[in-house]
Structure formats: C-alpha cells, structure tokens
PDB file of N, CA and C in Angstrom:
ATOM      1  N   LYS A   1      -6.036   7.395  -6.351  1.00  0.00           N
ATOM      2  CA  LYS A   1      -5.368   6.256  -5.821  1.00  0.00           C
ATOM      3  C   LYS A   1      -6.177   5.054  -6.633  1.00  0.00           C
ATOM      4  N   ASN A   2      -5.799   4.142  -6.952  1.00  0.00           N
ATOM      5  CA  ASN A   2      -6.700   2.662  -7.508  1.00  0.00           C
ATOM      6  C   ASN A   2      -6.467   1.627  -6.589  1.00  0.00           C
ATOM      7  N   TYR A   3      -8.072   1.570  -6.220  1.00  0.00           N
ATOM      8  CA  TYR A   3      -7.921   0.212  -5.318  1.00  0.00           C
ATOM      9  C   TYR A   3      -8.861  -0.807  -5.606  1.00  0.00           C
ATOM     10  N   VAL A   4      -8.308  -2.237  -5.591  1.00  0.00           N
ATOM     11  CA  VAL A   4      -8.505  -3.368  -6.077  1.00  0.00           C
ATOM     12  C   VAL A   4     -10.130  -3.853  -5.523  1.00  0.00           C
ATOM     13  N   GLN A   5     -10.107  -3.632  -4.092  1.00  0.00           N
ATOM     14  CA  GLN A   5     -11.510  -4.204  -3.702  1.00  0.00           C
ATOM     15  C   GLN A   5     -11.300  -2.979  -2.211  1.00  0.00           C
ATOM     16  N   MET A   6     -12.694  -2.643  -2.067  1.00  0.00           N
ATOM     17  CA  MET A   6     -12.810  -2.114  -0.700  1.00  0.00           C
ATOM     18  C   MET A   6     -14.375  -2.272   0.057  1.00  0.00           C
ATOM     19  N   GLU A   7     -13.845  -2.287   0.752  1.00  0.00           N
ATOM     20  CA  GLU A   7     -14.971  -3.087   2.244  1.00  0.00           C
ATOM     21  C   GLU A   7     -15.122  -2.326   3.004  1.00  0.00           C
ATOM     22  N   ILE A   8     -16.396  -2.151   3.652  1.00  0.00           N
ATOM     23  CA  ILE A   8     -16.753  -1.327   5.048  1.00  0.00           C
ATOM     24  C   ILE A   8     -17.320  -2.197   5.975  1.00  0.00           C
ATOM     25  N   ASN A   9     -16.897  -2.332   6.932  1.00  0.00           N
ATOM     26  CA  ASN A   9     -16.992  -3.178   7.998  1.00  0.00           C
ATOM     27  C   ASN A   9     -17.250  -2.693   9.435  1.00  0.00           C
ATOM     28  N   TYR A  10     -17.753  -3.263  10.584  1.00  0.00           N
ATOM     29  CA  TYR A  10     -17.696  -2.612  11.647  1.00  0.00           C
ATOM     30  C   TYR A  10     -17.814  -3.690  13.240  1.00  0.00           C
ATOM     31  N   GLY A  11     -16.865  -3.782  14.176  1.00  0.00           N
ATOM     32  CA  GLY A  11     -16.866  -4.766  14.900  1.00  0.00           C
ATOM     33  C   GLY A  11     -15.750  -5.502  14.589  1.00  0.00           C
ATOM     34  N   ASP A  12     -15.826  -6.719  15.254  1.00  0.00           N
ATOM     35  CA  ASP A  12     -14.698  -7.662  14.806  1.00  0.00           C
ATOM     36  C   ASP A  12     -14.807  -8.465  13.828  1.00  0.00           C
ATOM     37  N   PHE A  13     -13.737  -8.892  12.802  1.00  0.00           N
ATOM     38  CA  PHE A  13     -13.996  -9.340  11.711  1.00  0.00           C
ATOM     39  C   PHE A  13     -12.555  -9.789  11.360  1.00  0.00           C
ATOM     40  N   GLU A  14     -12.701 -10.996  10.698  1.00  0.00           N
ATOM     41  CA  GLU A  14     -11.081 -11.213   9.717  1.00  0.00           C
ATOM     42  C   GLU A  14     -11.809 -11.642   8.452  1.00  0.00           C
ATOM     43  N   ARG A  15     -10.571 -11.388   7.961  1.00  0.00           N
ATOM     44  CA  ARG A  15     -10.930 -11.425   6.422  1.00  0.00           C
ATOM     45  C   ARG A  15      -9.662 -12.105   5.736  1.00  0.00           C
ATOM     46  N   VAL A  16      -9.672 -13.042   4.880  1.00  0.00           N
ATOM     47  CA  VAL A  16      -8.504 -13.732   4.233  1.00  0.00           C
ATOM     48  C   VAL A  16      -8.660 -13.225   2.479  1.00  0.00           C
ATOM     49  N   PHE A  17      -7.566 -12.846   2.280  1.00  0.00           N
ATOM     50  CA  PHE A  17      -7.329 -12.835   0.675  1.00  0.00           C
ATOM     51  C   PHE A  17      -6.295 -13.514   0.439  1.00  0.00           C
ATOM     52  N   LEU A  18      -6.527 -13.711  -1.176  1.00  0.00           N
ATOM     53  CA  LEU A  18      -6.023 -14.673  -2.034  1.00  0.00           C
ATOM     54  C   LEU A  18      -5.306 -13.784  -2.896  1.00  0.00           C
ATOM     55  N   LEU A  19      -3.798 -13.512  -3.082  1.00  0.00           N
ATOM     56  CA  LEU A  19      -3.284 -12.876  -3.679  1.00  0.00           C
ATOM     57  C   LEU A  19      -3.220 -13.251  -5.242  1.00  0.00           C
ATOM     58  N   ARG A  20      -3.353 -12.701  -6.337  1.00  0.00           N
ATOM     59  CA  ARG A  20      -3.460 -13.360  -7.512  1.00  0.00           C
ATOM     60  C   ARG A  20      -2.291 -13.193  -8.637  1.00  0.00           C
ATOM     61  N   ASP A  21      -2.107 -13.974  -9.338  1.00  0.00           N
ATOM     62  CA  ASP A  21      -0.655 -14.000 -10.037  1.00  0.00           C
ATOM     63  C   ASP A  21      -0.036 -12.559 -10.494  1.00  0.00           C
ATOM     64  N   GLY A  22       1.030 -12.575 -10.090  1.00  0.00           N
ATOM     65  CA  GLY A  22       1.078 -11.119 -10.330  1.00  0.00           C
ATOM     66  C   GLY A  22       1.762 -10.284  -9.252  1.00  0.00           C
ATOM     67  N   ILE A  23       1.719 -10.651  -8.011  1.00  0.00           N
ATOM     68  CA  ILE A  23       1.652 -10.209  -7.085  1.00  0.00           C
ATOM     69  C   ILE A  23       2.335 -10.727  -5.852  1.00  0.00           C
ATOM     70  N   GLU A  24       3.100  -9.838  -5.271  1.00  0.00           N
ATOM     71  CA  GLU A  24       4.339 -10.157  -4.758  1.00  0.00           C
ATOM     72  C   GLU A  24       3.719 -10.664  -3.248  1.00  0.00           C
ATOM     73  N   GLY A  25       3.904 -11.839  -2.541  1.00  0.00           N
ATOM     74  CA  GLY A  25       3.399 -11.730  -1.229  1.00  0.00           C
ATOM     75  C   GLY A  25       3.998 -10.898  -0.249  1.00  0.00           C
ATOM     76  N   ARG A  26       5.167 -10.950  -0.251  1.00  0.00           N
ATOM     77  CA  ARG A  26       6.076 -10.245   0.521  1.00  0.00           C
ATOM     78  C   ARG A  26       6.796  -8.650   0.555  1.00  0.00           C
ATOM     79  N   PRO A  27       7.212  -8.218   0.267  1.00  0.00           N
ATOM     80  CA  PRO A  27       6.409  -7.124   1.959  1.00  0.00           C
ATOM     81  C   PRO A  27       4.985  -6.820   2.029  1.00  0.00           C
ATOM     82  N   VAL A  28       4.641  -6.970   2.764  1.00  0.00           N
ATOM     83  CA  VAL A  28       3.223  -6.351   3.029  1.00  0.00           C
ATOM     84  C   VAL A  28       3.064  -5.310   3.950  1.00  0.00           C
ATOM     85  N   ARG A  29       2.479  -3.811   3.926  1.00  0.00           N
ATOM     86  CA  ARG A  29       2.509  -3.207   4.593  1.00  0.00           C
ATOM     87  C   ARG A  29       0.919  -2.667   4.872  1.00  0.00           C
ATOM     88  N   ALA A  30       0.779  -2.582   6.075  1.00  0.00           N
ATOM     89  CA  ALA A  30      -0.845  -1.981   6.751  1.00  0.00           C
ATOM     90  C   ALA A  30      -1.013  -0.891   7.346  1.00  0.00           C
ATOM     91  N   GLU A  31      -1.931  -0.014   7.284  1.00  0.00           N
ATOM     92  CA  GLU A  31      -1.794   1.550   7.678  1.00  0.00           C
ATOM     93  C   GLU A  31      -3.045   1.277   8.401  1.00  0.00           C
ATOM     94  N   TYR A  32      -3.358   1.898   9.306  1.00  0.00           N
ATOM     95  CA  TYR A  32      -4.955   2.184   9.678  1.00  0.00           C
ATOM     96  C   TYR A  32      -5.353   3.584  10.167  1.00  0.00           C
ATOM     97  N   THR A  33      -5.918   4.338   9.247  1.00  0.00           N
ATOM     98  CA  THR A  33      -6.090   5.452   9.358  1.00  0.00           C
ATOM     99  C   THR A  33      -7.469   6.136   9.502  1.00  0.00           C
ATOM    100  N   SER A  34      -8.158   7.218  10.626  1.00  0.00           N
ATOM    101  CA  SER A  34      -9.620   6.897  10.302  1.00  0.00           C
ATOM    102  C   SER A  34     -10.545   6.346  10.289  1.00  0.00           C
ATOM    103  N   GLY A  35     -10.433   4.941  11.010  1.00  0.00           N
ATOM    104  CA  GLY A  35     -11.383   3.871  10.798  1.00  0.00           C
ATOM    105  C   GLY A  35     -11.154   2.960   9.056  1.00  0.00           C
ATOM    106  N   PHE A  36     -10.407   3.130   8.717  1.00  0.00           N
ATOM    107  CA  PHE A  36      -9.906   2.374   7.170  1.00  0.00           C
ATOM    108  C   PHE A  36      -8.283   1.689   7.164  1.00  0.00           C
ATOM    109  N   LEU A  37      -8.675   0.304   7.307  1.00  0.00           N
ATOM    110  CA  LEU A  37      -7.529  -0.238   7.528  1.00  0.00           C
ATOM    111  C   LEU A  37      -6.932  -0.366   5.775  1.00  0.00           C
ATOM    112  N   ARG A  38      -5.742   0.117   5.405  1.00  0.00           N
ATOM    113  CA  ARG A  38      -5.321   0.099   4.086  1.00  0.00           C
ATOM    114  C   ARG A  38      -4.025  -1.166   4.172  1.00  0.00           C
ATOM    115  N   ILE A  39      -4.137  -2.299   3.105  1.00  0.00           N
ATOM    116  CA  ILE A  39      -3.228  -3.368   3.045  1.00  0.00           C
ATOM    117  C   ILE A  39      -2.702  -2.948   1.483  1.00  0.00           C
ATOM    118  N   ILE A  40      -1.410  -2.710   1.943  1.00  0.00           N
ATOM    119  CA  ILE A  40      -0.625  -2.356   0.518  1.00  0.00           C
ATOM    120  C   ILE A  40       0.523  -3.686   0.220  1.00  0.00           C
ATOM    121  N   VAL A  41       0.415  -4.225  -0.828  1.00  0.00           N
ATOM    122  CA  VAL A  41       1.193  -5.469  -1.507  1.00  0.00           C
ATOM    123  C   VAL A  41       1.755  -4.998  -3.069  1.00  0.00           C
ATOM    124  N   GLY A  42       3.010  -5.149  -3.332  1.00  0.00           N
ATOM    125  CA  GLY A  42       4.085  -4.695  -4.258  1.00  0.00           C
ATOM    126  C   GLY A  42       3.355  -6.213  -5.339  1.00  0.00           C
ATOM    127  N   LYS A  43       3.712  -5.372  -6.684  1.00  0.00           N
ATOM    128  CA  LYS A  43       3.392  -6.220  -7.768  1.00  0.00           C
ATOM    129  C   LYS A  43       4.962  -6.897  -8.213  1.00  0.00           C
ATOM    130  N   LYS A  44       4.852  -8.202  -8.610  1.00  0.00           N
ATOM    131  CA  LYS A  44       6.110  -8.641  -8.954  1.00  0.00           C
ATOM    132  C   LYS A  44       6.669  -8.237 -10.426  1.00  0.00           C
ATOM    133  N   PRO A  45       8.172  -7.985 -10.457  1.00  0.00           N
ATOM    134  CA  PRO A  45       8.622  -7.349 -11.534  1.00  0.00           C
ATOM    135  C   PRO A  45       8.444  -8.436 -12.570  1.00  0.00           C
ATOM    136  N   LYS A  46       8.192  -7.302 -13.663  1.00  0.00           N
ATOM    137  CA  LYS A  46       7.724  -8.554 -15.079  1.00  0.00           C
ATOM    138  C   LYS A  46       9.107  -8.673 -15.427  1.00  0.00           C
ATOM    139  N   GLN A  47       8.934 -10.069 -16.172  1.00  0.00           N
ATOM    140  CA  GLN A  47      10.224 -11.061 -16.605  1.00  0.00           C
ATOM    141  C   GLN A  47      10.604 -10.549 -17.989  1.00  0.00           C
ATOM    142  N   THR A  48      11.463 -10.806 -18.358  1.00  0.00           N
ATOM    143  CA  THR A  48      11.718 -10.509 -19.669  1.00  0.00           C
ATOM    144  C   THR A  48      12.566 -11.219 -20.171  1.00  0.00           C
ATOM    145  N   LEU A  49      11.988 -12.008 -21.714  1.00  0.00           N
ATOM    146  CA  LEU A  49      12.619 -12.841 -22.407  1.00  0.00           C
ATOM    147  C   LEU A  49      13.644 -12.548 -23.708  1.00  0.00           C
ATOM    148  N   THR A  50      14.634 -12.529 -23.649  1.00  0.00           N
ATOM    149  CA  THR A  50      15.787 -12.051 -24.928  1.00  0.00           C
ATOM    150  C   THR A  50      15.825 -12.822 -25.735  1.00  0.00           C
ATOM    151  N   VAL A  51      15.038 -12.908 -26.689  1.00  0.00           N
ATOM    152  CA  VAL A  51      15.370 -14.251 -27.919  1.00  0.00           C
ATOM    153  C   VAL A  51      16.244 -13.556 -28.785  1.00  0.00           C
ATOM    154  N   PRO A  52      17.657 -14.391 -29.716  1.00  0.00           N
ATOM    155  CA  PRO A  52      18.804 -13.850 -30.388  1.00  0.00           C
ATOM    156  C   PRO A  52      18.080 -14.463 -31.889  1.00  0.00           C
ATOM    157  N   ILE A  53      18.015 -13.520 -32.417  1.00  0.00           N
ATOM    158  CA  ILE A  53      17.877 -13.717 -34.072  1.00  0.00           C
ATOM    159  C   ILE A  53      18.629 -13.435 -34.643  1.00  0.00           C
ATOM    160  N   SER A  54      18.653 -14.629 -36.320  1.00  0.00           N
ATOM    161  CA  SER A  54      20.033 -14.440 -36.875  1.00  0.00           C
ATOM    162  C   SER A  54      19.333 -14.350 -37.951  1.00  0.00           C
ATOM    163  N   PHE A  55      20.287 -13.288 -38.778  1.00  0.00           N
ATOM    164  CA  PHE A  55      20.095 -12.664 -39.938  1.00  0.00           C
ATOM    165  C   PHE A  55      21.103 -13.033 -41.423  1.00  0.00           C
ATOM    166  N   HIS A  56      20.257 -13.577 -42.154  1.00  0.00           N
ATOM    167  CA  HIS A  56      21.421 -13.773 -43.387  1.00  0.00           C
ATOM    168  C   HIS A  56      20.693 -13.387 -44.381  1.00  0.00           C
ATOM    169  N   GLU A  57      21.577 -12.413 -45.294  1.00  0.00           N
ATOM    170  CA  GLU A  57      21.149 -11.980 -46.375  1.00  0.00           C
ATOM    171  C   GLU A  57      20.983 -12.823 -47.484  1.00  0.00           C
ATOM    172  N   GLY A  58      20.122 -12.658 -48.216  1.00  0.00           N
ATOM    173  CA  GLY A  58      20.003 -13.621 -49.496  1.00  0.00           C
ATOM    174  C   GLY A  58      18.521 -14.315 -49.114  1.00  0.00           C
ATOM    175  N   GLY A  59      17.944 -14.690 -50.437  1.00  0.00           N
ATOM    176  CA  GLY A  59      16.613 -15.384 -50.570  1.00  0.00           C
ATOM    177  C   GLY A  59      16.642 -16.746 -49.772  1.00  0.00           C
ATOM    178  N   GLN A  60      17.681 -17.254 -49.254  1.00  0.00           N
ATOM    179  CA  GLN A  60      17.683 -18.674 -49.368  1.00  0.00           C
ATOM    180  C   GLN A  60      17.389 -18.717 -47.634  1.00  0.00           C
TER     181      GLN A  60
END
C-alpha cells in the first residue's frame, strides 16, 4: 500500500491536513484499527482535452 504520510502519536491530538491539487475532498473515509487511524481520500478524475486537427493534402 502507498502511504503519503504516516505518523505515530499517542494521547489526545488534533491534526489538520491540507489536500494538494488532484485530491478530491469528498468523500473521505476513516478507519481506526489496532491503534492506527487510516484516512482515505480519492483522486480527482483526470481531465482530457480533445483538440480537432485539420488535415490538408499538398504542400501549402
């Protein structure tokens, strides 16, 4: 699994995350298992751009 960031803290804590470009802010899922809080966010779908190309035979 690919982790962007992993920290180990204990006791009460608060953490703020800034999501970089390309990350979808909603939906967000969180799982707490065996002392680890895992936060799962999705990637934004890649945008595609279609450019029409004109083709003309000849040298000009």
